[in-house]
C-alpha atoms as a PDB file:
ATOM      1  CA  MET A   1       0.000   0.000   0.000  1.00  0.00           C
ATOM      2  CA  ALA A   2       2.822   2.408   0.845  1.00  0.00           C
ATOM      3  CA  ARG A   3       4.402   1.754  -2.562  1.00  0.00           C
ATOM      4  CA  TYR A   4       1.045   2.421  -4.253  1.00  0.00           C
ATOM      5  CA  VAL A   5       0.538   5.702  -2.359  1.00  0.00           C
ATOM      6  CA  SER A   6       4.101   6.766  -3.162  1.00  0.00           C
ATOM      7  CA  SER A   7       3.465   6.082  -6.844  1.00  0.00           C
ATOM      8  CA  GLN A   8       0.302   8.195  -6.719  1.00  0.00           C
ATOM      9  CA  LEU A   9       2.140  11.080  -5.052  1.00  0.00           C
ATOM     10  CA  LEU A  10       4.969  10.840  -7.588  1.00  0.00           C
ATOM     11  CA  LEU A  11       2.486  11.014 -10.435  1.00  0.00           C
ATOM     12  CA  VAL A  12       0.802  14.089  -8.920  1.00  0.00           C
ATOM     13  CA  VAL A  13       4.164  15.861  -8.575  1.00  0.00           C
ATOM     14  CA  VAL A  14       5.211  14.912 -12.099  1.00  0.00           C
ATOM     15  CA  CYS A  15       1.965  16.150 -13.630  1.00  0.00           C
ATOM     16  CA  ILE A  16       2.077  19.472 -11.752  1.00  0.00           C
ATOM     17  CA  CYS A  17       5.698  20.072 -12.696  1.00  0.00           C
ATOM     18  CA  SER A  18       5.145  19.217 -16.349  1.00  0.00           C
ATOM     19  CA  VAL A  19       2.446  21.886 -16.565  1.00  0.00           C
ATOM     20  CA  VAL A  20       3.704  24.615 -14.222  1.00  0.00           C
ATOM     21  CA  TRP A  21       7.440  24.641 -14.954  1.00  0.00           C
ATOM     22  CA  LEU A  22       7.254  24.709 -18.734  1.00  0.00           C
ATOM     23  CA  PRO A  23       6.367  27.434 -21.220  1.00  0.00           C
ATOM     24  CA  SER A  24       3.788  26.610 -23.856  1.00  0.00           C
ATOM     25  CA  THR A  25       5.135  24.428 -26.672  1.00  0.00           C
ATOM     26  CA  ARG A  26       2.412  25.453 -29.089  1.00  0.00           C
ATOM     27  CA  LEU A  27       3.680  26.317 -32.546  1.00  0.00           C
ATOM     28  CA  SER A  28       2.590  29.075 -34.869  1.00  0.00           C
ATOM     29  CA  ALA A  29       0.165  28.176 -37.638  1.00  0.00           C
ATOM     30  CA  ALA A  30       2.978  28.307 -40.198  1.00  0.00           C
ATOM     31  CA  GLN A  31       5.144  25.976 -38.111  1.00  0.00           C
ATOM     32  CA  GLU A  32       2.289  23.535 -37.639  1.00  0.00           C
ATOM     33  CA  LEU A  33       1.677  23.350 -41.381  1.00  0.00           C
ATOM     34  CA  GLU A  34       5.397  22.878 -41.974  1.00  0.00           C
ATOM     35  CA  LEU A  35       5.436  19.902 -39.603  1.00  0.00           C
ATOM     36  CA  TYR A  36       2.143  18.356 -40.518  1.00  0.00           C
ATOM     37  CA  ASP A  37      -0.274  19.160 -43.309  1.00  0.00           C
ATOM     38  CA  LEU A  38      -3.540  17.383 -42.574  1.00  0.00           C
ATOM     39  CA  GLU A  39      -4.744  17.904 -46.125  1.00  0.00           C
ATOM     40  CA  ALA A  40      -1.836  15.852 -47.473  1.00  0.00           C
ATOM     41  CA  ARG A  41      -2.662  12.769 -45.379  1.00  0.00           C
ATOM     42  CA  LEU A  42      -5.523  10.395 -44.851  1.00  0.00           C
ATOM     43  CA  PRO A  43      -8.147  12.006 -42.622  1.00  0.00           C
ATOM     44  CA  TYR A  44      -8.825  10.590 -39.185  1.00  0.00           C
ATOM     45  CA  ASP A  45     -10.996   7.523 -39.744  1.00  0.00           C
ATOM     46  CA  VAL A  46     -13.186   6.545 -36.778  1.00  0.00           C
ATOM     47  CA  PRO A  47     -14.093   3.025 -38.026  1.00  0.00           C
ATOM     48  CA  TYR A  48     -10.435   2.367 -38.809  1.00  0.00           C
ATOM     49  CA  ALA A  49      -9.455   3.655 -35.363  1.00  0.00           C
ATOM     50  CA  HIS A  50     -11.832   1.068 -33.869  1.00  0.00           C
ATOM     51  CA  ARG A  51     -10.304  -1.665 -36.030  1.00  0.00           C
ATOM     52  CA  MET A  52      -6.777  -0.739 -35.004  1.00  0.00           C
ATOM     53  CA  LEU A  53      -7.866  -0.554 -31.363  1.00  0.00           C
ATOM     54  CA  SER A  54      -8.990  -4.184 -31.571  1.00  0.00           C
ATOM     55  CA  LEU A  55      -5.645  -5.099 -33.127  1.00  0.00           C
ATOM     56  CA  SER A  56      -3.887  -3.296 -30.273  1.00  0.00           C
ATOM     57  CA  GLY A  57      -6.030  -5.115 -27.741  1.00  0.00           C
ATOM     58  CA  ALA A  58      -5.348  -8.520 -29.276  1.00  0.00           C
ATOM     59  CA  ALA A  59      -1.724  -8.203 -28.155  1.00  0.00           C
ATOM     60  CA  TYR A  60      -2.914  -8.536 -24.532  1.00  0.00           C
ATOM     61  CA  CYS A  61      -4.163 -12.071 -25.167  1.00  0.00           C
ATOM     62  CA  PRO A  62      -2.174 -15.316 -24.799  1.00  0.00           C
ATOM     63  CA  SER A  63       0.127 -15.989 -27.734  1.00  0.00           C
ATOM     64  CA  SER A  64      -1.585 -19.310 -28.484  1.00  0.00           C
ATOM     65  CA  THR A  65      -4.969 -17.672 -29.022  1.00  0.00           C
ATOM     66  CA  ILE A  66      -3.427 -14.882 -31.111  1.00  0.00           C
ATOM     67  CA  ALA A  67      -1.660 -17.446 -33.307  1.00  0.00           C
ATOM     68  CA  GLU A  68      -5.004 -19.134 -33.991  1.00  0.00           C
ATOM     69  CA  TRP A  69      -6.782 -15.742 -34.173  1.00  0.00           C
ATOM     70  CA  LYS A  70      -9.375 -16.915 -31.658  1.00  0.00           C
ATOM     71  CA  CYS A  71      -9.130 -14.292 -28.932  1.00  0.00           C
ATOM     72  CA  SER A  72     -11.836 -11.932 -27.639  1.00  0.00           C
ATOM     73  CA  PHE A  73     -10.368  -9.005 -29.602  1.00  0.00           C
ATOM     74  CA  CYS A  74      -9.651 -11.181 -32.649  1.00  0.00           C
ATOM     75  CA  SER A  75     -13.338 -11.776 -33.312  1.00  0.00           C
ATOM     76  CA  GLN A  76     -13.742  -8.050 -34.012  1.00  0.00           C
ATOM     77  CA  VAL A  77     -11.266  -8.132 -36.949  1.00  0.00           C
ATOM     78  CA  ASP A  78     -12.109 -10.355 -39.899  1.00  0.00           C
ATOM     79  CA  GLU A  79      -9.933 -11.227 -42.918  1.00  0.00           C
ATOM     80  CA  PHE A  80      -6.797 -11.184 -40.795  1.00  0.00           C
ATOM     81  CA  LYS A  81      -3.900 -13.606 -41.320  1.00  0.00           C
ATOM     82  CA  ILE A  82      -1.240 -14.054 -38.620  1.00  0.00           C
ATOM     83  CA  TYR A  83       2.392 -14.289 -39.719  1.00  0.00           C
ATOM     84  CA  GLY A  84       3.941 -14.645 -36.308  1.00  0.00           C
ATOM     85  CA  VAL A  85       3.587 -14.017 -32.575  1.00  0.00           C
ATOM     86  CA  ASN A  86       6.721 -13.132 -30.652  1.00  0.00           C
ATOM     87  CA  TYR A  87       6.746 -13.480 -26.862  1.00  0.00           C
ATOM     88  CA  ASN A  88       9.790 -12.919 -24.648  1.00  0.00           C
ATOM     89  CA  ALA A  89       9.216 -14.524 -21.256  1.00  0.00           C
ATOM     90  CA  THR A  90      12.168 -12.709 -19.672  1.00  0.00           C
ATOM     91  CA  THR A  91      10.846  -9.225 -20.431  1.00  0.00           C
ATOM     92  CA  ASP A  92       7.170 -10.235 -20.743  1.00  0.00           C
ATOM     93  CA  MET A  93       6.979  -8.378 -24.058  1.00  0.00           C
ATOM     94  CA  LEU A  94       4.858  -9.528 -26.998  1.00  0.00           C
ATOM     95  CA  SER A  95       4.295  -8.456 -30.578  1.00  0.00           C
ATOM     96  CA  PHE A  96       2.507  -9.964 -33.521  1.00  0.00           C
ATOM     97  CA  VAL A  97       2.549  -9.374 -37.259  1.00  0.00           C
ATOM     98  CA  GLY A  98      -0.324 -10.078 -39.599  1.00  0.00           C
ATOM     99  CA  TYR A  99      -1.941  -9.147 -42.882  1.00  0.00           C
ATOM    100  CA  ASP A 100      -5.292  -7.370 -42.842  1.00  0.00           C
ATOM    101  CA  GLY A 101      -6.955  -8.375 -46.079  1.00  0.00           C
ATOM    102  CA  ALA A 102      -9.866  -5.991 -45.573  1.00  0.00           C
ATOM    103  CA  THR A 103      -7.577  -2.953 -45.700  1.00  0.00           C
ATOM    104  CA  ASN A 104      -4.551  -4.390 -47.559  1.00  0.00           C
ATOM    105  CA  THR A 105      -2.296  -3.607 -44.617  1.00  0.00           C
ATOM    106  CA  VAL A 106       0.586  -5.377 -42.905  1.00  0.00           C
ATOM    107  CA  VAL A 107      -0.042  -4.734 -39.208  1.00  0.00           C
ATOM    108  CA  VAL A 108       2.562  -4.802 -36.433  1.00  0.00           C
ATOM    109  CA  SER A 109       0.976  -4.697 -32.976  1.00  0.00           C
ATOM    110  CA  PHE A 110       2.676  -4.474 -29.579  1.00  0.00           C
ATOM    111  CA  ARG A 111       1.395  -5.507 -26.165  1.00  0.00           C
ATOM    112  CA  GLY A 112       0.772  -2.703 -23.701  1.00  0.00           C
ATOM    113  CA  THR A 113       1.302  -2.535 -19.967  1.00  0.00           C
ATOM    114  CA  ASN A 114       0.346  -5.859 -18.441  1.00  0.00           C
ATOM    115  CA  PRO A 115      -1.599  -5.300 -15.204  1.00  0.00           C
ATOM    116  CA  LEU A 116      -0.474  -8.746 -14.024  1.00  0.00           C
ATOM    117  CA  SER A 117       3.238  -8.038 -14.440  1.00  0.00           C
ATOM    118  CA  ILE A 118       5.307  -5.578 -12.418  1.00  0.00           C
ATOM    119  CA  LYS A 119       8.033  -5.803 -15.082  1.00  0.00           C
ATOM    120  CA  ASP A 120       6.009  -3.677 -17.480  1.00  0.00           C
ATOM    121  CA  TRP A 121       5.344  -1.042 -14.835  1.00  0.00           C
ATOM    122  CA  LEU A 122       9.048  -0.804 -14.040  1.00  0.00           C
ATOM    123  CA  ALA A 123       9.740  -0.284 -17.746  1.00  0.00           C
ATOM    124  CA  ASP A 124       7.078   2.441 -17.843  1.00  0.00           C
ATOM    125  CA  LEU A 125       8.066   4.436 -14.776  1.00  0.00           C
ATOM    126  CA  ASN A 126      11.798   5.153 -15.049  1.00  0.00           C
ATOM    127  CA  PHE A 127      12.613   8.407 -16.827  1.00  0.00           C
ATOM    128  CA  PHE A 128      16.151   7.705 -18.026  1.00  0.00           C
ATOM    129  CA  MET A 129      17.133   8.215 -21.663  1.00  0.00           C
ATOM    130  CA  THR A 130      19.616   6.385 -23.833  1.00  0.00           C
ATOM    131  CA  PRO A 131      20.986   7.071 -27.356  1.00  0.00           C
ATOM    132  CA  PHE A 132      18.870   5.631 -30.126  1.00  0.00           C
ATOM    133  CA  GLY A 133      21.212   3.284 -31.960  1.00  0.00           C
ATOM    134  CA  SER A 134      24.431   4.309 -33.660  1.00  0.00           C
ATOM    135  CA  GLY A 135      25.365   5.503 -37.114  1.00  0.00           C
ATOM    136  CA  ASN A 136      21.839   6.742 -37.811  1.00  0.00           C
ATOM    137  CA  ASP A 137      20.591  10.111 -39.001  1.00  0.00           C
ATOM    138  CA  CYS A 138      20.405  11.678 -35.564  1.00  0.00           C
ATOM    139  CA  GLU A 139      23.403  11.562 -33.223  1.00  0.00           C
ATOM    140  CA  LYS A 140      21.535  13.589 -30.588  1.00  0.00           C
ATOM    141  CA  CYS A 141      18.437  11.356 -30.618  1.00  0.00           C
ATOM    142  CA  GLN A 142      17.618   9.742 -27.290  1.00  0.00           C
ATOM    143  CA  VAL A 143      14.703   7.596 -26.184  1.00  0.00           C
ATOM    144  CA  HIS A 144      13.346   6.159 -22.960  1.00  0.00           C
ATOM    145  CA  ARG A 145      15.789   3.470 -21.853  1.00  0.00           C
ATOM    146  CA  GLY A 146      13.128   1.016 -20.701  1.00  0.00           C
ATOM    147  CA  PHE A 147      11.073   1.338 -23.876  1.00  0.00           C
ATOM    148  CA  LEU A 148      14.099   0.713 -26.087  1.00  0.00           C
ATOM    149  CA  ALA A 149      15.182  -2.325 -24.061  1.00  0.00           C
ATOM    150  CA  ALA A 150      11.653  -3.731 -24.183  1.00  0.00           C
ATOM    151  CA  TYR A 151      11.516  -3.340 -27.962  1.00  0.00           C
ATOM    152  CA  GLN A 152      14.969  -4.834 -28.498  1.00  0.00           C
ATOM    153  CA  SER A 153      13.909  -7.960 -26.610  1.00  0.00           C
ATOM    154  CA  ILE A 154      11.404  -8.783 -29.378  1.00  0.00           C
ATOM    155  CA  ARG A 155      12.923  -6.902 -32.302  1.00  0.00           C
ATOM    156  CA  ASP A 156      14.515  -9.544 -34.494  1.00  0.00           C
ATOM    157  CA  ARG A 157      11.568 -11.857 -35.101  1.00  0.00           C
ATOM    158  CA  THR A 158       9.151  -8.919 -35.310  1.00  0.00           C
ATOM    159  CA  LEU A 159      11.287  -7.378 -38.035  1.00  0.00           C
ATOM    160  CA  GLU A 160      11.649 -10.742 -39.811  1.00  0.00           C
ATOM    161  CA  TRP A 161       7.893 -11.342 -39.943  1.00  0.00           C
ATOM    162  CA  MET A 162       7.136  -7.777 -41.012  1.00  0.00           C
ATOM    163  CA  LEU A 163       9.559  -8.048 -43.949  1.00  0.00           C
ATOM    164  CA  LYS A 164       8.173 -11.485 -44.878  1.00  0.00           C
ATOM    165  CA  ALA A 165       4.597 -10.217 -44.935  1.00  0.00           C
ATOM    166  CA  LYS A 166       5.595  -7.130 -46.899  1.00  0.00           C
ATOM    167  CA  SER A 167       7.433  -9.256 -49.474  1.00  0.00           C
ATOM    168  CA  GLN A 168       4.282 -11.308 -50.033  1.00  0.00           C
ATOM    169  CA  PHE A 169       2.084  -8.217 -50.242  1.00  0.00           C
ATOM    170  CA  PRO A 170       4.367  -5.564 -51.788  1.00  0.00           C
ATOM    171  CA  ASP A 171       1.479  -3.168 -52.446  1.00  0.00           C
ATOM    172  CA  ALA A 172       0.223  -3.309 -48.870  1.00  0.00           C
ATOM    173  CA  LYS A 173       0.621  -0.427 -46.454  1.00  0.00           C
ATOM    174  CA  ILE A 174       2.453  -0.962 -43.160  1.00  0.00           C
ATOM    175  CA  ALA A 175       0.677  -0.018 -39.935  1.00  0.00           C
ATOM    176  CA  VAL A 176       2.007  -0.013 -36.382  1.00  0.00           C
ATOM    177  CA  THR A 177      -0.237   0.094 -33.338  1.00  0.00           C
ATOM    178  CA  GLY A 178      -0.361  -0.412 -29.599  1.00  0.00           C
ATOM    179  CA  HIS A 179      -2.057   0.703 -26.398  1.00  0.00           C
ATOM    180  CA  SER A 180      -0.120   2.250 -23.497  1.00  0.00           C
ATOM    181  CA  LEU A 181       3.415   0.849 -23.463  1.00  0.00           C
ATOM    182  CA  GLY A 182       2.553  -0.872 -26.737  1.00  0.00           C
ATOM    183  CA  GLY A 183       2.129   2.525 -28.370  1.00  0.00           C
ATOM    184  CA  ALA A 184       5.616   3.545 -27.267  1.00  0.00           C
ATOM    185  CA  LEU A 185       7.085   0.337 -28.707  1.00  0.00           C
ATOM    186  CA  ALA A 186       5.212   0.951 -31.970  1.00  0.00           C
ATOM    187  CA  MET A 187       6.894   4.358 -32.282  1.00  0.00           C
ATOM    188  CA  VAL A 188      10.362   2.937 -31.565  1.00  0.00           C
ATOM    189  CA  ALA A 189       9.741   0.083 -34.004  1.00  0.00           C
ATOM    190  CA  ALA A 190       8.677   2.404 -36.805  1.00  0.00           C
ATOM    191  CA  MET A 191      11.884   4.394 -36.537  1.00  0.00           C
ATOM    192  CA  ASP A 192      13.925   1.199 -36.343  1.00  0.00           C
ATOM    193  CA  PHE A 193      12.218  -0.228 -39.447  1.00  0.00           C
ATOM    194  CA  HIS A 194      13.022   2.953 -41.348  1.00  0.00           C
ATOM    195  CA  LEU A 195      16.643   3.401 -40.268  1.00  0.00           C
ATOM    196  CA  TYR A 196      17.808  -0.203 -40.284  1.00  0.00           C
ATOM    197  CA  ALA A 197      15.433  -2.063 -42.633  1.00  0.00           C
ATOM    198  CA  ASN A 198      14.730   0.654 -45.212  1.00  0.00           C
ATOM    199  CA  THR A 199      11.002   0.191 -44.648  1.00  0.00           C
ATOM    200  CA  THR A 200       8.741   3.114 -43.807  1.00  0.00           C
ATOM    201  CA  ALA A 201       5.457   2.683 -41.939  1.00  0.00           C
ATOM    202  CA  ASP A 202       2.442   4.315 -43.579  1.00  0.00           C
ATOM    203  CA  LEU A 203      -0.066   4.311 -40.732  1.00  0.00           C
ATOM    204  CA  PHE A 204       0.181   4.929 -36.978  1.00  0.00           C
ATOM    205  CA  TYR A 205      -2.721   4.510 -34.583  1.00  0.00           C
ATOM    206  CA  THR A 206      -1.764   4.406 -30.900  1.00  0.00           C
ATOM    207  CA  TYR A 207      -3.877   4.694 -27.745  1.00  0.00           C
ATOM    208  CA  GLY A 208      -2.833   6.189 -24.405  1.00  0.00           C
ATOM    209  CA  GLN A 209       0.794   6.270 -25.522  1.00  0.00           C
ATOM    210  CA  PRO A 210       3.461   7.713 -23.203  1.00  0.00           C
ATOM    211  CA  ARG A 211       6.156  10.085 -24.456  1.00  0.00           C
ATOM    212  CA  VAL A 212       9.074   8.205 -26.003  1.00  0.00           C
ATOM    213  CA  GLY A 213      12.069  10.438 -26.749  1.00  0.00           C
ATOM    214  CA  ASN A 214      13.740  13.821 -26.629  1.00  0.00           C
ATOM    215  CA  SER A 215      13.084  16.738 -28.975  1.00  0.00           C
ATOM    216  CA  ALA A 216      15.758  15.575 -31.455  1.00  0.00           C
ATOM    217  CA  PHE A 217      14.153  12.124 -31.729  1.00  0.00           C
ATOM    218  CA  THR A 218      10.649  13.570 -31.967  1.00  0.00           C
ATOM    219  CA  ASP A 219      11.688  16.044 -34.670  1.00  0.00           C
ATOM    220  CA  LEU A 220      13.360  13.259 -36.654  1.00  0.00           C
ATOM    221  CA  PHE A 221      10.217  11.181 -36.291  1.00  0.00           C
ATOM    222  CA  LYS A 222       8.087  14.015 -37.676  1.00  0.00           C
ATOM    223  CA  ARG A 223      10.412  14.563 -40.629  1.00  0.00           C
ATOM    224  CA  THR A 224      10.789  10.872 -41.384  1.00  0.00           C
ATOM    225  CA  PHE A 225       7.079  10.149 -41.388  1.00  0.00           C
ATOM    226  CA  ASN A 226       5.960  13.451 -42.862  1.00  0.00           C
ATOM    227  CA  ASP A 227       4.074  11.591 -45.602  1.00  0.00           C
ATOM    228  CA  SER A 228       2.606   8.993 -43.254  1.00  0.00           C
ATOM    229  CA  THR A 229      -0.715   9.089 -41.430  1.00  0.00           C
ATOM    230  CA  MET A 230      -0.123   9.412 -37.692  1.00  0.00           C
ATOM    231  CA  TYR A 231      -2.842   9.559 -35.056  1.00  0.00           C
ATOM    232  CA  ARG A 232      -2.114   9.282 -31.351  1.00  0.00           C
ATOM    233  CA  LEU A 233      -5.367   8.954 -29.423  1.00  0.00           C
ATOM    234  CA  THR A 234      -5.728  10.331 -25.897  1.00  0.00           C
ATOM    235  CA  HIS A 235      -8.741  10.131 -23.608  1.00  0.00           C
ATOM    236  CA  GLY A 236      -9.992  12.453 -20.901  1.00  0.00           C
ATOM    237  CA  LEU A 237      -7.805  12.389 -17.793  1.00  0.00           C
ATOM    238  CA  ASP A 238      -5.644   9.448 -18.870  1.00  0.00           C
ATOM    239  CA  PRO A 239      -2.358  10.100 -17.009  1.00  0.00           C
ATOM    240  CA  VAL A 240      -0.077   7.971 -19.203  1.00  0.00           C
ATOM    241  CA  PRO A 241       0.252  10.440 -22.139  1.00  0.00           C
ATOM    242  CA  HIS A 242       1.678  12.923 -19.594  1.00  0.00           C
ATOM    243  CA  LEU A 243       4.571  10.601 -18.785  1.00  0.00           C
ATOM    244  CA  PRO A 244       7.523  10.707 -18.879  1.00  0.00           C
ATOM    245  CA  PRO A 245       7.286  14.446 -18.147  1.00  0.00           C
ATOM    246  CA  ARG A 246       8.368  17.232 -20.454  1.00  0.00           C
ATOM    247  CA  PHE A 247      10.661  18.705 -17.797  1.00  0.00           C
ATOM    248  CA  ALA A 248      12.682  15.486 -18.130  1.00  0.00           C
ATOM    249  CA  GLY A 249      13.140  16.253 -21.836  1.00  0.00           C
ATOM    250  CA  PHE A 250      10.459  14.011 -23.363  1.00  0.00           C
ATOM    251  CA  TYR A 251       8.069  15.156 -26.119  1.00  0.00           C
ATOM    252  CA  HIS A 252       5.191  13.749 -28.150  1.00  0.00           C
ATOM    253  CA  PRO A 253       5.025  13.684 -31.964  1.00  0.00           C
ATOM    254  CA  ASN A 254       1.977  14.759 -33.966  1.00  0.00           C
ATOM    255  CA  THR A 255      -0.931  14.243 -34.312  1.00  0.00           C
ATOM    256  CA  GLU A 256      -2.994  13.882 -31.182  1.00  0.00           C
ATOM    257  CA  VAL A 257      -6.705  13.032 -31.364  1.00  0.00           C
ATOM    258  CA  TYR A 258      -8.217  13.959 -28.019  1.00  0.00           C
ATOM    259  CA  TYR A 259     -11.446  12.314 -26.841  1.00  0.00           C
ATOM    260  CA  ASP A 260     -13.460  13.747 -23.968  1.00  0.00           C
ATOM    261  CA  GLY A 261     -14.092  11.688 -20.861  1.00  0.00           C
ATOM    262  CA  LEU A 262     -17.354  10.257 -22.205  1.00  0.00           C
ATOM    263  CA  ASN A 263     -15.833   9.272 -25.575  1.00  0.00           C
ATOM    264  CA  THR A 264     -18.574  11.316 -27.254  1.00  0.00           C
ATOM    265  CA  HIS A 265     -16.497  14.046 -28.896  1.00  0.00           C
ATOM    266  CA  TYR A 266     -13.010  14.201 -30.337  1.00  0.00           C
ATOM    267  CA  THR A 267     -10.650  17.005 -31.344  1.00  0.00           C
ATOM    268  CA  ILE A 268      -7.943  16.823 -33.999  1.00  0.00           C
ATOM    269  CA  CYS A 269      -5.172  18.660 -32.173  1.00  0.00           C
ATOM    270  CA  ASP A 270      -2.483  20.901 -33.656  1.00  0.00           C
ATOM    271  CA  GLY A 271       0.742  19.645 -35.216  1.00  0.00           C
ATOM    272  CA  SER A 272       2.987  20.336 -32.244  1.00  0.00           C
ATOM    273  CA  GLY A 273       2.298  17.072 -30.430  1.00  0.00           C
ATOM    274  CA  GLU A 274       1.784  19.060 -27.222  1.00  0.00           C
ATOM    275  CA  ASP A 275      -1.427  21.001 -27.890  1.00  0.00           C
ATOM    276  CA  PRO A 276      -2.460  22.857 -24.690  1.00  0.00           C
ATOM    277  CA  LYS A 277      -6.119  22.556 -25.744  1.00  0.00           C
ATOM    278  CA  CYS A 278      -6.021  18.756 -25.739  1.00  0.00           C
ATOM    279  CA  ALA A 279      -4.665  16.317 -23.120  1.00  0.00           C
ATOM    280  CA  ASP A 280      -2.109  18.898 -21.950  1.00  0.00           C
ATOM    281  CA  GLN A 281      -4.936  21.130 -20.697  1.00  0.00           C
ATOM    282  CA  TRP A 282      -5.240  19.073 -17.514  1.00  0.00           C
ATOM    283  CA  LEU A 283      -3.181  19.976 -14.438  1.00  0.00           C
ATOM    284  CA  LEU A 284      -3.874  16.758 -12.508  1.00  0.00           C
ATOM    285  CA  PRO A 285      -4.772  13.974 -14.970  1.00  0.00           C
ATOM    286  CA  LEU A 286      -5.414  11.051 -12.638  1.00  0.00           C
ATOM    287  CA  GLY A 287      -8.184   9.281 -14.539  1.00  0.00           C
ATOM    288  CA  PHE A 288      -6.802   5.764 -14.526  1.00  0.00           C
ATOM    289  CA  THR A 289     -10.112   4.392 -15.813  1.00  0.00           C
ATOM    290  CA  ASP A 290      -9.708   6.683 -18.840  1.00  0.00           C
ATOM    291  CA  HIS A 291      -6.446   4.886 -19.637  1.00  0.00           C
ATOM    292  CA  VAL A 292      -8.103   1.484 -19.841  1.00  0.00           C
ATOM    293  CA  THR A 293     -11.170   2.693 -21.756  1.00  0.00           C
ATOM    294  CA  TYR A 294     -10.725   3.906 -25.335  1.00  0.00           C
ATOM    295  CA  LEU A 295     -13.495   4.429 -27.893  1.00  0.00           C
ATOM    296  CA  GLY A 296     -15.875   2.808 -25.427  1.00  0.00           C
ATOM    297  CA  LEU A 297     -13.805  -0.399 -25.246  1.00  0.00           C
ATOM    298  CA  ASP A 298     -13.048  -1.575 -21.705  1.00  0.00           C
ATOM    299  CA  PHE A 299      -9.559  -3.057 -21.823  1.00  0.00           C
ATOM    300  CA  VAL A 300      -9.831  -4.548 -18.329  1.00  0.00           C
ATOM    301  CA  ALA A 301     -12.996  -6.495 -19.119  1.00  0.00           C
ATOM    302  CA  GLN A 302     -11.600  -7.688 -22.452  1.00  0.00           C
ATOM    303  CA  PHE A 303      -8.263  -8.528 -20.841  1.00  0.00           C
ATOM    304  CA  LEU A 304      -9.931 -10.712 -18.223  1.00  0.00           C
ATOM    305  CA  LYS A 305     -12.111 -12.368 -20.843  1.00  0.00           C
ATOM    306  CA  CYS A 306      -9.149 -13.025 -23.103  1.00  0.00           C
ATOM    307  CA  ASN A 307      -6.986 -14.491 -20.326  1.00  0.00           C
ATOM    308  CA  LEU A 308      -9.689 -16.312 -18.397  1.00  0.00           C
ATOM    309  CA  GLY A 309      -8.314 -19.737 -17.584  1.00  0.00           C
ATOM    310  CA  ALA A 310      -4.853 -18.940 -18.932  1.00  0.00           C
ATOM    311  CA  GLU A 311      -2.074 -19.450 -16.387  1.00  0.00           C
ATOM    312  CA  ARG A 312       0.063 -16.741 -17.963  1.00  0.00           C
ATOM    313  CA  MET A 313      -0.107 -14.304 -20.820  1.00  0.00           C
ATOM    314  CA  GLY A 314       2.662 -15.741 -22.980  1.00  0.00           C
END
């Protein structure tokens, strides 16, 4: 209980500091258009956001049910062919790659924070950065150390299956997705695919994603995927998109889609990634239920349904 209370107090302090100690990061209209021109990309697609949310949620299910595409989330996505499920028992990380025949898309999905595993929470809550690779286009780029280590633990087979699926469907788009920690891994993976596999993701839909890297990494991400469609969904008082804090040097990329607490209205936010009219408007975002409920989908209920009777999530 003491550890839980301490974590709550830490989150309160972090959220206050990230709002009070920093000047506004909002860009001018000209700068926003330079970074992200909404007219040049696919518009935000609500039905597709629901489809990608189900694909994000499927990563929470046991690997055996994902491989057979017979999980609670899987039933919501038809015409989907699995290429591989990658689970690392040491880090408790999971990803899967598949082909969505309904949208002609190769999808790479990453598991989010596992409420049954303290390992994921430890990866989420440290704020230390580390250089992002070597010999790439950005010597000053740094990312969250825990996120990078988590991704690297499942990188090789994820990359192998993505390239295999893409080779079989060369005209297909590539989409990356994930909820919570899974969204952070999706962002790291997309940059890794581009820099080290010469493959650029076309679509990004993440949900309740934390900040991943410093301003140099975020700027490189924006430039690299300037022609891609990127939507980072946030919800009400979800605290996770506020972490790690900006005063620690972390920033979000574009483009945020902010849903109100009731999931009845959404706002396409500006191109800065840190729009003060969206999730950043809240001084004390402590709505933990908002983090596990996106687009009306209750992740906790689906998680329990998916893992009912399973001894572990692998």
